[in-house]
Amino acid sequence: MLWVDKYRPKTLDQVIVHQDIAQNLKKLVTEQDCPHLLFYGPPGSGKKTLIMALLRQVFGPGAEKVKVENKTWKIDAGSRNIDLELTTLSSANHVELSPSDAGFQDRYVVQEVIKEMAKNRPIDTKGKRGFKVLVLNEVDKLSREAQHSLRRTMEKYSASCRLILCCNSSSKVTEAIRSRCLNIRINSPTEEQIVKVLEFIAKKEGLQLPSGFATRLAEKSNRSLRRAILSFETCRVQQLRFTMPSVD
């Protein structure tokens, strides 16, 4: 397992970067009335990490038991039928997909596929009717038509479904969608925060870092935590510039 996955925080309490946002998300879970959410920020800033930690906070360890499916959906587009092949990542309580993968046919994904998923309201462990979470990636790449359809879906199925939207730029998401979500900006981590995470990983791996090594990795990462961790692991594999501590 890559370090970027091995040391990804599984709960909101384990988050090192964006601790203030993690605590606010915990409050949302405690209040048990989680709204639609829009996470936006640059690549590598930690959006997906926070989303997965939030899902685990809401649904427990079951949120990690996911399966990947490649499914073909048959869409009635009026004058013709369309076969749409989509890859989904799902647990008992959530489904994750990227509607923009369908290209110019993305509106059919929203109109049919997401609508069908949103209809089915799950039963929680206490026998009560719960809600399903749909995680939609790259919503800023959706066409205008798809975004209009998404707005209608959000309104119609809000009782049975919560949407967690993820994108790099919120400016490309329509105001109609943004206004129906709690908007959460995830800034790129500072170099100091990246150093803190790299030092945490080094300690867990039993590695002794030379002075300034983590700082140099952070400086070259362009404030992408993912890039910094991948670079760190690459150096470890190549055994460059640091050694395992001696054991007395």
Protein backbone atom coordinates (compact mmCIF):
# COMPACT_ATOMS: atom_id res chain seq x y z
CA MET A 1 0.00 0.00 0.00
CA LEU A 2 1.34 3.43 -0.92
CA TRP A 3 2.04 5.74 1.99
CA VAL A 4 -0.42 8.27 0.58
CA ASP A 5 -3.15 5.65 1.22
CA LYS A 6 -1.61 3.98 4.27
CA TYR A 7 -1.45 7.24 6.23
CA ARG A 8 -4.63 8.83 4.93
CA PRO A 9 -6.66 9.84 8.02
CA LYS A 10 -9.58 7.47 8.49
CA THR A 11 -11.47 9.69 10.94
CA LEU A 12 -11.90 13.42 11.36
CA ASP A 13 -9.99 13.21 14.66
CA GLN A 14 -6.91 11.89 12.83
CA VAL A 15 -6.73 14.82 10.41
CA ILE A 16 -3.45 16.75 10.76
CA VAL A 17 -4.05 19.31 8.02
CA HIS A 18 -7.35 21.30 8.03
CA GLN A 19 -8.11 20.44 11.67
CA ASP A 20 -10.50 23.40 11.96
CA ILE A 21 -12.58 22.17 9.02
CA ALA A 22 -12.54 18.62 10.41
CA GLN A 23 -13.95 19.83 13.72
CA ASN A 24 -16.71 21.78 11.96
CA LEU A 25 -17.61 18.66 9.99
CA LYS A 26 -17.82 16.70 13.26
CA LYS A 27 -20.35 19.21 14.53
CA LEU A 28 -22.46 18.66 11.41
CA VAL A 29 -22.48 14.93 12.06
CA THR A 30 -23.40 15.47 15.72
CA GLU A 31 -26.35 17.62 14.71
CA GLN A 32 -27.47 14.75 12.41
CA ASP A 33 -28.77 17.13 9.78
CA CYS A 34 -25.99 17.15 7.24
CA PRO A 35 -26.79 19.41 4.26
CA HIS A 36 -25.58 19.04 0.70
CA LEU A 37 -21.86 19.88 0.68
CA LEU A 38 -19.56 21.40 -1.94
CA PHE A 39 -15.84 20.84 -1.35
CA TYR A 40 -13.61 22.90 -3.59
CA GLY A 41 -9.92 23.66 -3.76
CA PRO A 42 -6.74 22.85 -5.71
CA PRO A 43 -5.62 19.29 -6.51
CA GLY A 44 -3.75 17.59 -3.66
CA SER A 45 -5.23 19.87 -1.00
CA GLY A 46 -7.03 17.04 0.83
CA LYS A 47 -10.64 17.28 -0.35
CA LYS A 48 -11.18 13.55 -0.85
CA THR A 49 -9.44 12.73 2.43
CA LEU A 50 -11.88 14.93 4.34
CA ILE A 51 -14.86 13.52 2.44
CA MET A 52 -13.90 9.91 3.22
CA ALA A 53 -13.24 10.76 6.88
CA LEU A 54 -16.65 12.43 7.02
CA LEU A 55 -18.38 9.37 5.54
CA ARG A 56 -16.73 7.15 8.12
CA GLN A 57 -17.82 9.56 10.86
CA VAL A 58 -21.42 9.34 9.62
CA PHE A 59 -21.70 5.64 8.74
CA GLY A 60 -18.89 4.00 10.69
CA PRO A 61 -16.29 1.51 9.36
CA GLY A 62 -18.82 0.22 6.81
CA ALA A 63 -18.08 3.27 4.67
CA GLU A 64 -14.63 1.78 3.97
CA LYS A 65 -16.05 -1.51 2.67
CA VAL A 66 -16.35 -0.38 -0.93
CA LYS A 67 -16.68 -2.19 -4.20
CA VAL A 68 -15.80 -0.97 -7.67
CA GLU A 69 -18.33 -1.63 -10.40
CA ASN A 70 -18.29 -1.01 -14.13
CA LYS A 71 -21.92 -0.85 -15.11
CA THR A 72 -23.70 -0.08 -18.37
CA TRP A 73 -26.85 2.01 -18.08
CA LYS A 74 -29.44 1.97 -20.85
CA ILE A 75 -30.81 5.50 -21.25
CA ASP A 76 -33.96 6.38 -23.15
CA ALA A 77 -33.01 9.64 -24.89
CA GLY A 78 -36.30 10.07 -26.71
CA SER A 79 -35.54 9.29 -30.34
CA ARG A 80 -32.77 6.82 -29.48
CA ASN A 81 -31.39 4.62 -26.75
CA ILE A 82 -27.93 5.31 -25.30
CA ASP A 83 -25.64 2.87 -23.52
CA LEU A 84 -23.59 4.65 -20.85
CA GLU A 85 -20.74 2.82 -19.14
CA LEU A 86 -19.81 4.25 -15.77
CA THR A 87 -17.44 3.24 -12.99
CA THR A 88 -18.82 3.60 -9.49
CA LEU A 89 -17.27 3.14 -6.06
CA SER A 90 -19.90 2.21 -3.50
CA SER A 91 -20.57 1.01 0.04
CA ALA A 92 -23.91 0.19 1.66
CA ASN A 93 -24.47 3.88 2.34
CA HIS A 94 -22.76 5.85 -0.38
CA VAL A 95 -21.95 5.88 -4.08
CA GLU A 96 -19.08 7.79 -5.68
CA LEU A 97 -18.83 8.55 -9.38
CA SER A 98 -17.60 11.12 -11.88
CA PRO A 99 -20.50 12.13 -14.17
CA SER A 100 -18.10 14.13 -16.35
CA ASP A 101 -16.60 10.80 -17.52
CA ALA A 102 -19.60 10.58 -19.85
CA GLY A 103 -18.45 13.70 -21.70
CA PHE A 104 -21.21 15.49 -23.62
CA GLN A 105 -23.68 12.84 -22.41
CA ASP A 106 -23.19 13.87 -18.79
CA ARG A 107 -26.70 15.29 -18.56
CA TYR A 108 -28.12 11.80 -19.06
CA VAL A 109 -26.02 10.57 -16.14
CA VAL A 110 -27.56 13.21 -13.91
CA GLN A 111 -31.09 12.88 -15.30
CA GLU A 112 -31.28 9.08 -15.15
CA VAL A 113 -28.44 7.42 -13.24
CA ILE A 114 -28.15 9.82 -10.31
CA LYS A 115 -31.93 10.19 -10.12
CA GLU A 116 -32.29 6.41 -9.89
CA MET A 117 -29.66 6.20 -7.15
CA ALA A 118 -31.20 9.07 -5.20
CA LYS A 119 -34.65 7.45 -5.19
CA ASN A 120 -33.59 4.45 -3.12
CA ARG A 121 -33.64 5.37 0.52
CA PRO A 122 -31.61 2.95 2.69
CA ILE A 123 -32.71 1.52 6.03
CA ASP A 124 -30.20 2.18 8.82
CA THR A 125 -29.17 -0.33 11.49
CA LYS A 126 -31.92 0.83 13.85
CA GLY A 127 -34.62 0.15 11.29
CA LYS A 128 -35.18 3.81 10.48
CA ARG A 129 -35.19 5.20 6.98
CA GLY A 130 -31.81 6.84 6.60
CA PHE A 131 -30.29 8.73 3.72
CA LYS A 132 -27.83 7.80 1.04
CA VAL A 133 -24.83 9.94 0.13
CA LEU A 134 -23.80 10.50 -3.47
CA VAL A 135 -20.24 11.76 -3.91
CA LEU A 136 -19.86 13.44 -7.29
CA ASN A 137 -16.35 14.27 -8.50
CA GLU A 138 -15.33 17.01 -10.93
CA VAL A 139 -18.70 18.77 -10.89
CA ASP A 140 -16.95 21.86 -12.30
CA LYS A 141 -16.51 19.88 -15.55
CA LEU A 142 -20.23 19.19 -15.94
CA SER A 143 -22.09 20.84 -18.80
CA ARG A 144 -24.60 23.57 -18.06
CA GLU A 145 -27.46 21.18 -18.89
CA ALA A 146 -26.14 18.56 -16.48
CA GLN A 147 -25.79 21.15 -13.71
CA HIS A 148 -29.39 22.30 -14.23
CA SER A 149 -30.55 18.68 -13.96
CA LEU A 150 -28.43 18.22 -10.85
CA ARG A 151 -30.12 21.20 -9.19
CA ARG A 152 -33.54 19.65 -9.77
CA THR A 153 -32.34 16.31 -8.39
CA MET A 154 -31.01 18.03 -5.26
CA GLU A 155 -34.38 19.63 -4.64
CA LYS A 156 -36.56 16.61 -5.38
CA TYR A 157 -34.66 13.94 -3.46
CA SER A 158 -33.21 15.92 -0.54
CA ALA A 159 -35.18 13.79 1.95
CA SER A 160 -33.57 10.53 0.87
CA CYS A 161 -30.21 11.65 -0.50
CA ARG A 162 -27.37 13.99 0.38
CA LEU A 163 -24.95 15.12 -2.28
CA ILE A 164 -21.27 15.74 -1.59
CA LEU A 165 -19.85 17.58 -4.57
CA CYS A 166 -16.12 17.85 -5.18
CA CYS A 167 -14.30 20.14 -7.61
CA ASN A 168 -11.22 22.27 -8.12
CA SER A 169 -12.99 25.51 -9.03
CA SER A 170 -16.34 26.58 -7.58
CA SER A 171 -16.57 29.44 -10.10
CA LYS A 172 -17.46 26.86 -12.78
CA VAL A 173 -20.35 25.54 -10.70
CA THR A 174 -23.66 27.34 -11.18
CA GLU A 175 -24.94 29.65 -8.47
CA ALA A 176 -28.11 27.53 -8.29
CA ILE A 177 -26.04 24.54 -7.09
CA ARG A 178 -23.67 26.53 -4.88
CA SER A 179 -26.58 28.18 -3.06
CA ARG A 180 -28.07 24.78 -2.19
CA CYS A 181 -24.85 23.52 -0.60
CA LEU A 182 -22.69 24.34 2.36
CA ASN A 183 -19.57 25.54 0.53
CA ILE A 184 -16.28 24.36 2.05
CA ARG A 185 -13.05 25.72 0.63
CA ILE A 186 -10.03 23.46 1.13
CA ASN A 187 -6.85 25.47 0.76
CA SER A 188 -3.53 23.91 -0.18
CA PRO A 189 -1.61 22.94 2.96
CA THR A 190 1.25 25.19 4.00
CA GLU A 191 4.81 23.94 3.70
CA GLU A 192 4.95 23.78 7.51
CA GLN A 193 1.90 21.51 7.57
CA ILE A 194 3.41 19.26 4.91
CA VAL A 195 6.63 18.98 6.93
CA LYS A 196 4.56 17.98 9.96
CA VAL A 197 2.87 15.18 8.02
CA LEU A 198 6.17 13.93 6.53
CA GLU A 199 7.77 13.85 9.98
CA PHE A 200 4.74 11.94 11.29
CA ILE A 201 5.11 9.33 8.52
CA ALA A 202 8.88 9.07 9.10
CA LYS A 203 8.27 8.37 12.79
CA LYS A 204 5.70 5.68 12.00
CA GLU A 205 8.07 4.07 9.48
CA GLY A 206 11.02 4.22 11.88
CA LEU A 207 13.04 6.50 9.61
CA GLN A 208 15.58 9.09 10.69
CA LEU A 209 15.44 12.19 8.51
CA PRO A 210 18.48 14.39 7.95
CA SER A 211 18.09 18.04 8.83
CA GLY A 212 16.09 19.98 6.27
CA PHE A 213 15.07 16.92 4.21
CA ALA A 214 11.32 17.22 4.88
CA THR A 215 11.50 20.97 4.30
CA ARG A 216 13.07 20.50 0.87
CA LEU A 217 10.39 17.98 -0.12
CA ALA A 218 7.70 20.40 1.03
CA GLU A 219 9.23 23.25 -0.96
CA LYS A 220 9.31 21.16 -4.16
CA SER A 221 5.76 19.84 -3.73
CA ASN A 222 4.08 23.07 -4.84
CA ARG A 223 1.94 22.73 -1.68
CA SER A 224 0.50 19.39 -2.79
CA LEU A 225 0.51 17.00 0.15
CA ARG A 226 -0.07 14.03 -2.15
CA ARG A 227 2.96 14.96 -4.27
CA ALA A 228 5.14 15.44 -1.19
CA ILE A 229 4.22 12.03 0.26
CA LEU A 230 4.74 10.27 -3.09
CA SER A 231 8.15 11.95 -3.46
CA PHE A 232 9.04 10.95 0.09
CA GLU A 233 8.20 7.31 -0.59
CA THR A 234 10.14 7.37 -3.85
CA CYS A 235 13.22 8.56 -1.96
CA ARG A 236 12.70 5.82 0.62
CA VAL A 237 12.49 3.13 -2.06
CA GLN A 238 15.64 4.44 -3.70
CA GLN A 239 17.26 4.76 -0.25
CA LEU A 240 18.40 8.28 -0.95
CA ARG A 241 19.86 10.59 1.64
CA PHE A 242 18.49 9.03 4.78
CA THR A 243 19.02 5.79 6.63
CA MET A 244 17.30 3.58 9.13
CA PRO A 245 18.25 4.50 12.71
CA SER A 246 20.70 2.18 14.42
CA VAL A 247 19.36 -0.20 17.05
CA ASP A 248 21.40 -0.61 20.23
